[in-house]
Amino acid sequence: VQLQAYGGGLVQAGGSLRLSCAASGRTLRSYDMGWFRQAPGKERELVSRIRWNGGSTYYTESVKGRFAISRDNAKNTMYLQMNSLKPEDTAVYYCAAKPEWKWEYDYWGQGTLVTVSS
């Protein structure tokens, strides 16, 4: 499975961006997927995840109510709609996938940089 994340960029605080993660190589219908981010000098953290069937989602506390994760299995693509962006959301965002029965993520995209200016 190859994952490619895109959609990052520079945005002012309060603005919005939508990240996309396109998968190739095989269908992701049975894979859980997630968005992670890593800010300069900080450890990578899980931002949001979505079950293989879209039936369950998780958000880290700092993005609840502002970010929305979704997926389109027919297009083999996952999205992260980010609204009301804050400077502290600045990070490289990575998408990842894992078989729904595993705990750890097996496949990672290359990352897309999100910069939020104050």
N, C-alpha and C. Protein backbone atom coordinates (compact mmCIF):
# COMPACT_ATOMS: atom_id res chain seq x y z
N VAL A 1 0.85 -1.19 0.00
CA VAL A 1 0.00 0.00 0.00
C VAL A 1 0.88 1.24 0.00
N GLN A 2 0.61 2.15 -0.91
CA GLN A 2 1.30 3.44 -0.93
C GLN A 2 0.29 4.53 -0.59
N LEU A 3 0.68 5.39 0.31
CA LEU A 3 -0.17 6.50 0.72
C LEU A 3 0.48 7.81 0.35
N GLN A 4 -0.33 8.73 -0.15
CA GLN A 4 0.17 10.06 -0.46
C GLN A 4 -0.75 11.09 0.15
N ALA A 5 -0.17 11.88 1.05
CA ALA A 5 -0.92 12.95 1.69
C ALA A 5 -0.67 14.26 0.97
N TYR A 6 -1.71 15.05 0.80
CA TYR A 6 -1.55 16.35 0.17
C TYR A 6 -2.64 17.28 0.66
N GLY A 7 -2.47 18.55 0.36
CA GLY A 7 -3.46 19.54 0.76
C GLY A 7 -2.97 20.52 1.81
N GLY A 8 -1.75 20.31 2.30
CA GLY A 8 -1.22 21.25 3.28
C GLY A 8 -0.88 22.58 2.65
N GLY A 9 -0.52 23.52 3.50
CA GLY A 9 -0.16 24.84 3.00
C GLY A 9 -0.09 25.84 4.13
N LEU A 10 -0.02 27.09 3.74
CA LEU A 10 0.04 28.20 4.69
C LEU A 10 -1.34 28.84 4.78
N VAL A 11 -1.83 29.00 6.00
CA VAL A 11 -3.14 29.59 6.22
C VAL A 11 -3.09 30.45 7.46
N GLN A 12 -3.92 31.47 7.48
CA GLN A 12 -3.98 32.33 8.66
C GLN A 12 -4.82 31.66 9.74
N ALA A 13 -4.56 32.03 10.97
CA ALA A 13 -5.35 31.52 12.09
C ALA A 13 -6.83 31.79 11.83
N GLY A 14 -7.65 30.79 12.13
CA GLY A 14 -9.07 30.89 11.86
C GLY A 14 -9.49 30.33 10.52
N GLY A 15 -8.51 30.06 9.67
CA GLY A 15 -8.80 29.55 8.34
C GLY A 15 -9.01 28.05 8.32
N SER A 16 -9.17 27.54 7.11
CA SER A 16 -9.47 26.12 6.92
C SER A 16 -8.57 25.51 5.86
N LEU A 17 -8.35 24.22 6.00
CA LEU A 17 -7.67 23.42 4.99
C LEU A 17 -8.31 22.05 4.97
N ARG A 18 -8.24 21.38 3.83
CA ARG A 18 -8.67 19.99 3.77
C ARG A 18 -7.51 19.15 3.28
N LEU A 19 -7.11 18.22 4.10
CA LEU A 19 -6.06 17.29 3.72
C LEU A 19 -6.69 16.06 3.08
N SER A 20 -5.98 15.50 2.14
CA SER A 20 -6.42 14.26 1.50
C SER A 20 -5.29 13.24 1.58
N CYS A 21 -5.67 12.00 1.63
CA CYS A 21 -4.71 10.89 1.64
C CYS A 21 -5.18 9.87 0.63
N ALA A 22 -4.46 9.78 -0.46
CA ALA A 22 -4.83 8.85 -1.53
C ALA A 22 -4.00 7.58 -1.42
N ALA A 23 -4.66 6.47 -1.52
CA ALA A 23 -3.99 5.18 -1.41
C ALA A 23 -3.94 4.49 -2.76
N SER A 24 -2.88 3.78 -2.98
CA SER A 24 -2.74 2.98 -4.20
C SER A 24 -2.07 1.66 -3.84
N GLY A 25 -2.21 0.72 -4.71
CA GLY A 25 -1.59 -0.57 -4.48
C GLY A 25 -2.57 -1.64 -4.06
N ARG A 26 -3.52 -1.23 -3.24
CA ARG A 26 -4.59 -2.16 -2.88
C ARG A 26 -5.73 -1.37 -2.27
N THR A 27 -6.86 -2.00 -2.20
CA THR A 27 -8.00 -1.33 -1.61
C THR A 27 -7.84 -1.21 -0.10
N LEU A 28 -8.36 -0.13 0.44
CA LEU A 28 -8.26 0.09 1.88
C LEU A 28 -9.57 -0.20 2.60
N ARG A 29 -10.44 -0.95 1.96
CA ARG A 29 -11.76 -1.19 2.54
C ARG A 29 -11.70 -1.85 3.91
N SER A 30 -10.66 -2.65 4.15
CA SER A 30 -10.58 -3.35 5.43
C SER A 30 -9.51 -2.75 6.34
N TYR A 31 -9.10 -1.53 6.04
CA TYR A 31 -8.05 -0.88 6.81
C TYR A 31 -8.60 0.29 7.63
N ASP A 32 -8.19 0.34 8.88
CA ASP A 32 -8.39 1.55 9.67
C ASP A 32 -7.36 2.58 9.20
N MET A 33 -7.74 3.84 9.29
CA MET A 33 -6.82 4.89 8.83
C MET A 33 -6.77 6.01 9.84
N GLY A 34 -5.66 6.73 9.82
CA GLY A 34 -5.50 7.81 10.78
C GLY A 34 -4.66 8.95 10.25
N TRP A 35 -4.81 10.07 10.90
CA TRP A 35 -3.97 11.24 10.66
C TRP A 35 -3.12 11.49 11.91
N PHE A 36 -1.84 11.65 11.69
CA PHE A 36 -0.90 11.99 12.74
C PHE A 36 -0.27 13.33 12.39
N ARG A 37 0.34 13.96 13.38
CA ARG A 37 1.08 15.18 13.10
C ARG A 37 2.31 15.25 14.00
N GLN A 38 3.30 15.95 13.49
CA GLN A 38 4.52 16.16 14.26
C GLN A 38 4.95 17.60 14.10
N ALA A 39 4.94 18.31 15.21
CA ALA A 39 5.38 19.70 15.23
C ALA A 39 6.87 19.74 15.53
N PRO A 40 7.55 20.82 15.15
CA PRO A 40 8.99 20.92 15.40
C PRO A 40 9.31 20.73 16.88
N GLY A 41 10.24 19.83 17.15
CA GLY A 41 10.67 19.60 18.52
C GLY A 41 9.72 18.77 19.36
N LYS A 42 8.67 18.27 18.75
CA LYS A 42 7.69 17.48 19.50
C LYS A 42 7.56 16.08 18.92
N GLU A 43 7.00 15.20 19.71
CA GLU A 43 6.77 13.84 19.24
C GLU A 43 5.54 13.80 18.34
N ARG A 44 5.53 12.79 17.51
CA ARG A 44 4.37 12.59 16.64
C ARG A 44 3.16 12.21 17.50
N GLU A 45 2.01 12.76 17.14
CA GLU A 45 0.81 12.46 17.90
C GLU A 45 -0.33 12.08 16.95
N LEU A 46 -1.20 11.23 17.46
CA LEU A 46 -2.39 10.87 16.70
C LEU A 46 -3.39 12.02 16.78
N VAL A 47 -3.84 12.47 15.64
CA VAL A 47 -4.81 13.56 15.58
C VAL A 47 -6.23 13.00 15.50
N SER A 48 -6.41 12.04 14.60
CA SER A 48 -7.74 11.48 14.39
C SER A 48 -7.61 10.14 13.71
N ARG A 49 -8.58 9.28 13.90
CA ARG A 49 -8.58 8.01 13.20
C ARG A 49 -10.02 7.64 12.86
N ILE A 50 -10.14 6.75 11.87
CA ILE A 50 -11.46 6.32 11.42
C ILE A 50 -11.40 4.83 11.11
N ARG A 51 -12.41 4.12 11.53
CA ARG A 51 -12.45 2.67 11.31
C ARG A 51 -12.63 2.38 9.83
N TRP A 52 -12.37 1.14 9.46
CA TRP A 52 -12.39 0.73 8.07
C TRP A 52 -13.72 1.02 7.39
N ASN A 53 -14.81 0.94 8.16
CA ASN A 53 -16.13 1.16 7.57
C ASN A 53 -16.67 2.55 7.86
N GLY A 54 -15.84 3.40 8.46
CA GLY A 54 -16.29 4.75 8.78
C GLY A 54 -17.23 4.81 9.96
N GLY A 55 -17.42 3.69 10.65
CA GLY A 55 -18.40 3.64 11.70
C GLY A 55 -17.96 4.23 13.03
N SER A 56 -16.70 4.44 13.20
CA SER A 56 -16.21 4.98 14.46
C SER A 56 -15.05 5.93 14.19
N THR A 57 -15.04 7.03 14.89
CA THR A 57 -13.96 8.00 14.73
C THR A 57 -13.43 8.41 16.10
N TYR A 58 -12.22 8.93 16.08
CA TYR A 58 -11.57 9.43 17.30
C TYR A 58 -10.87 10.73 16.97
N TYR A 59 -10.90 11.66 17.91
CA TYR A 59 -10.17 12.91 17.77
C TYR A 59 -9.40 13.20 19.05
N THR A 60 -8.20 13.66 18.91
CA THR A 60 -7.51 14.14 20.08
C THR A 60 -8.22 15.38 20.61
N GLU A 61 -8.12 15.61 21.90
CA GLU A 61 -8.93 16.63 22.55
C GLU A 61 -8.75 18.01 21.92
N SER A 62 -7.54 18.34 21.53
CA SER A 62 -7.25 19.69 21.06
C SER A 62 -7.90 20.04 19.71
N VAL A 63 -8.39 19.03 18.98
CA VAL A 63 -8.99 19.31 17.67
C VAL A 63 -10.48 19.01 17.64
N LYS A 64 -11.02 18.52 18.71
CA LYS A 64 -12.45 18.20 18.75
C LYS A 64 -13.28 19.44 18.44
N GLY A 65 -14.26 19.25 17.58
CA GLY A 65 -15.13 20.35 17.20
C GLY A 65 -14.58 21.21 16.09
N ARG A 66 -13.32 21.01 15.73
CA ARG A 66 -12.70 21.81 14.66
C ARG A 66 -12.33 20.97 13.45
N PHE A 67 -11.92 19.73 13.69
CA PHE A 67 -11.48 18.84 12.61
C PHE A 67 -12.54 17.76 12.38
N ALA A 68 -12.63 17.29 11.15
CA ALA A 68 -13.54 16.21 10.82
C ALA A 68 -12.85 15.24 9.86
N ILE A 69 -12.81 13.98 10.26
CA ILE A 69 -12.19 12.95 9.43
C ILE A 69 -13.27 12.23 8.65
N SER A 70 -12.95 11.83 7.45
CA SER A 70 -13.90 11.07 6.64
C SER A 70 -13.12 10.23 5.64
N ARG A 71 -13.81 9.33 4.99
CA ARG A 71 -13.15 8.50 4.00
C ARG A 71 -14.15 8.13 2.92
N ASP A 72 -13.61 7.88 1.75
CA ASP A 72 -14.41 7.41 0.61
C ASP A 72 -13.73 6.15 0.11
N ASN A 73 -14.22 5.02 0.53
CA ASN A 73 -13.56 3.76 0.17
C ASN A 73 -13.62 3.50 -1.33
N ALA A 74 -14.64 4.01 -1.98
CA ALA A 74 -14.73 3.83 -3.43
C ALA A 74 -13.59 4.55 -4.14
N LYS A 75 -13.13 5.64 -3.56
CA LYS A 75 -12.02 6.40 -4.13
C LYS A 75 -10.69 6.09 -3.45
N ASN A 76 -10.71 5.17 -2.47
CA ASN A 76 -9.49 4.84 -1.74
C ASN A 76 -8.82 6.08 -1.17
N THR A 77 -9.61 6.95 -0.60
CA THR A 77 -9.11 8.24 -0.13
C THR A 77 -9.70 8.58 1.23
N MET A 78 -8.86 9.19 2.06
CA MET A 78 -9.28 9.67 3.37
C MET A 78 -9.07 11.17 3.40
N TYR A 79 -9.88 11.85 4.20
CA TYR A 79 -9.82 13.31 4.27
C TYR A 79 -9.73 13.77 5.73
N LEU A 80 -9.20 14.96 5.89
CA LEU A 80 -9.24 15.63 7.18
C LEU A 80 -9.60 17.09 6.92
N GLN A 81 -10.82 17.45 7.25
CA GLN A 81 -11.25 18.84 7.15
C GLN A 81 -10.85 19.56 8.42
N MET A 82 -10.06 20.60 8.26
CA MET A 82 -9.55 21.33 9.42
C MET A 82 -10.08 22.74 9.37
N ASN A 83 -10.87 23.10 10.36
CA ASN A 83 -11.45 24.43 10.46
C ASN A 83 -10.93 25.14 11.70
N SER A 84 -11.13 26.43 11.74
CA SER A 84 -10.71 27.25 12.89
C SER A 84 -9.28 26.93 13.30
N LEU A 85 -8.41 26.90 12.33
CA LEU A 85 -7.03 26.52 12.58
C LEU A 85 -6.34 27.50 13.50
N LYS A 86 -5.45 26.95 14.32
CA LYS A 86 -4.69 27.72 15.29
C LYS A 86 -3.20 27.57 15.00
N PRO A 87 -2.40 28.52 15.42
CA PRO A 87 -0.95 28.38 15.22
C PRO A 87 -0.40 27.08 15.78
N GLU A 88 -0.97 26.59 16.86
CA GLU A 88 -0.48 25.34 17.46
C GLU A 88 -0.83 24.11 16.63
N ASP A 89 -1.62 24.28 15.58
CA ASP A 89 -1.88 23.17 14.66
C ASP A 89 -0.75 23.02 13.63
N THR A 90 0.17 23.96 13.63
CA THR A 90 1.28 23.89 12.69
C THR A 90 2.10 22.62 12.91
N ALA A 91 2.26 21.85 11.85
CA ALA A 91 2.95 20.56 11.95
C ALA A 91 3.01 19.92 10.57
N VAL A 92 3.80 18.87 10.48
CA VAL A 92 3.72 18.00 9.32
C VAL A 92 2.66 16.94 9.63
N TYR A 93 1.72 16.81 8.74
CA TYR A 93 0.62 15.86 8.93
C TYR A 93 0.87 14.62 8.08
N TYR A 94 0.72 13.47 8.69
CA TYR A 94 0.94 12.20 8.03
C TYR A 94 -0.35 11.38 8.06
N CYS A 95 -0.60 10.68 6.98
CA CYS A 95 -1.69 9.72 7.02
C CYS A 95 -1.09 8.32 7.15
N ALA A 96 -1.87 7.43 7.72
CA ALA A 96 -1.40 6.07 7.97
C ALA A 96 -2.57 5.10 7.87
N ALA A 97 -2.22 3.85 7.64
CA ALA A 97 -3.25 2.81 7.52
C ALA A 97 -2.77 1.53 8.17
N LYS A 98 -3.72 0.74 8.65
CA LYS A 98 -3.40 -0.55 9.24
C LYS A 98 -4.57 -1.50 9.03
N PRO A 99 -4.30 -2.76 8.95
CA PRO A 99 -5.42 -3.72 8.92
C PRO A 99 -6.26 -3.52 10.17
N GLU A 100 -7.55 -3.68 10.05
CA GLU A 100 -8.44 -3.35 11.15
C GLU A 100 -8.20 -4.22 12.38
N TRP A 101 -7.53 -5.35 12.24
CA TRP A 101 -7.29 -6.24 13.37
C TRP A 101 -5.96 -5.97 14.08
N LYS A 102 -5.15 -5.03 13.53
CA LYS A 102 -3.85 -4.74 14.14
C LYS A 102 -3.91 -3.50 15.01
N TRP A 103 -2.96 -3.37 15.90
CA TRP A 103 -2.87 -2.21 16.78
C TRP A 103 -2.01 -1.10 16.17
N GLU A 104 -0.90 -1.52 15.57
CA GLU A 104 0.04 -0.53 15.03
C GLU A 104 -0.23 -0.27 13.55
N TYR A 105 0.13 0.93 13.14
CA TYR A 105 -0.04 1.32 11.75
C TYR A 105 1.13 0.80 10.92
N ASP A 106 0.81 0.21 9.80
CA ASP A 106 1.81 -0.41 8.94
C ASP A 106 2.27 0.51 7.81
N TYR A 107 1.38 1.32 7.30
CA TYR A 107 1.66 2.09 6.10
C TYR A 107 1.54 3.58 6.41
N TRP A 108 2.51 4.33 5.87
CA TRP A 108 2.58 5.77 6.15
C TRP A 108 2.77 6.55 4.87
N GLY A 109 2.12 7.71 4.81
CA GLY A 109 2.35 8.64 3.73
C GLY A 109 3.57 9.49 4.02
N GLN A 110 3.93 10.34 3.08
CA GLN A 110 5.16 11.11 3.19
C GLN A 110 5.01 12.38 4.00
N GLY A 111 3.81 12.78 4.33
CA GLY A 111 3.61 13.98 5.13
C GLY A 111 3.34 15.21 4.29
N THR A 112 2.51 16.07 4.82
CA THR A 112 2.23 17.35 4.17
C THR A 112 2.27 18.43 5.26
N LEU A 113 2.93 19.53 4.95
CA LEU A 113 3.17 20.57 5.95
C LEU A 113 1.99 21.53 6.03
N VAL A 114 1.52 21.74 7.24
CA VAL A 114 0.48 22.72 7.52
C VAL A 114 1.10 23.80 8.40
N THR A 115 1.03 25.03 7.93
CA THR A 115 1.56 26.16 8.68
C THR A 115 0.43 27.15 8.92
N VAL A 116 0.19 27.45 10.18
CA VAL A 116 -0.87 28.39 10.54
C VAL A 116 -0.22 29.63 11.13
N SER A 117 -0.41 30.75 10.49
CA SER A 117 0.19 31.99 10.95
C SER A 117 -0.78 32.74 11.87
N SER A 118 -0.21 33.44 12.81
CA SER A 118 -1.05 34.18 13.78
C SER A 118 -1.36 35.57 13.28
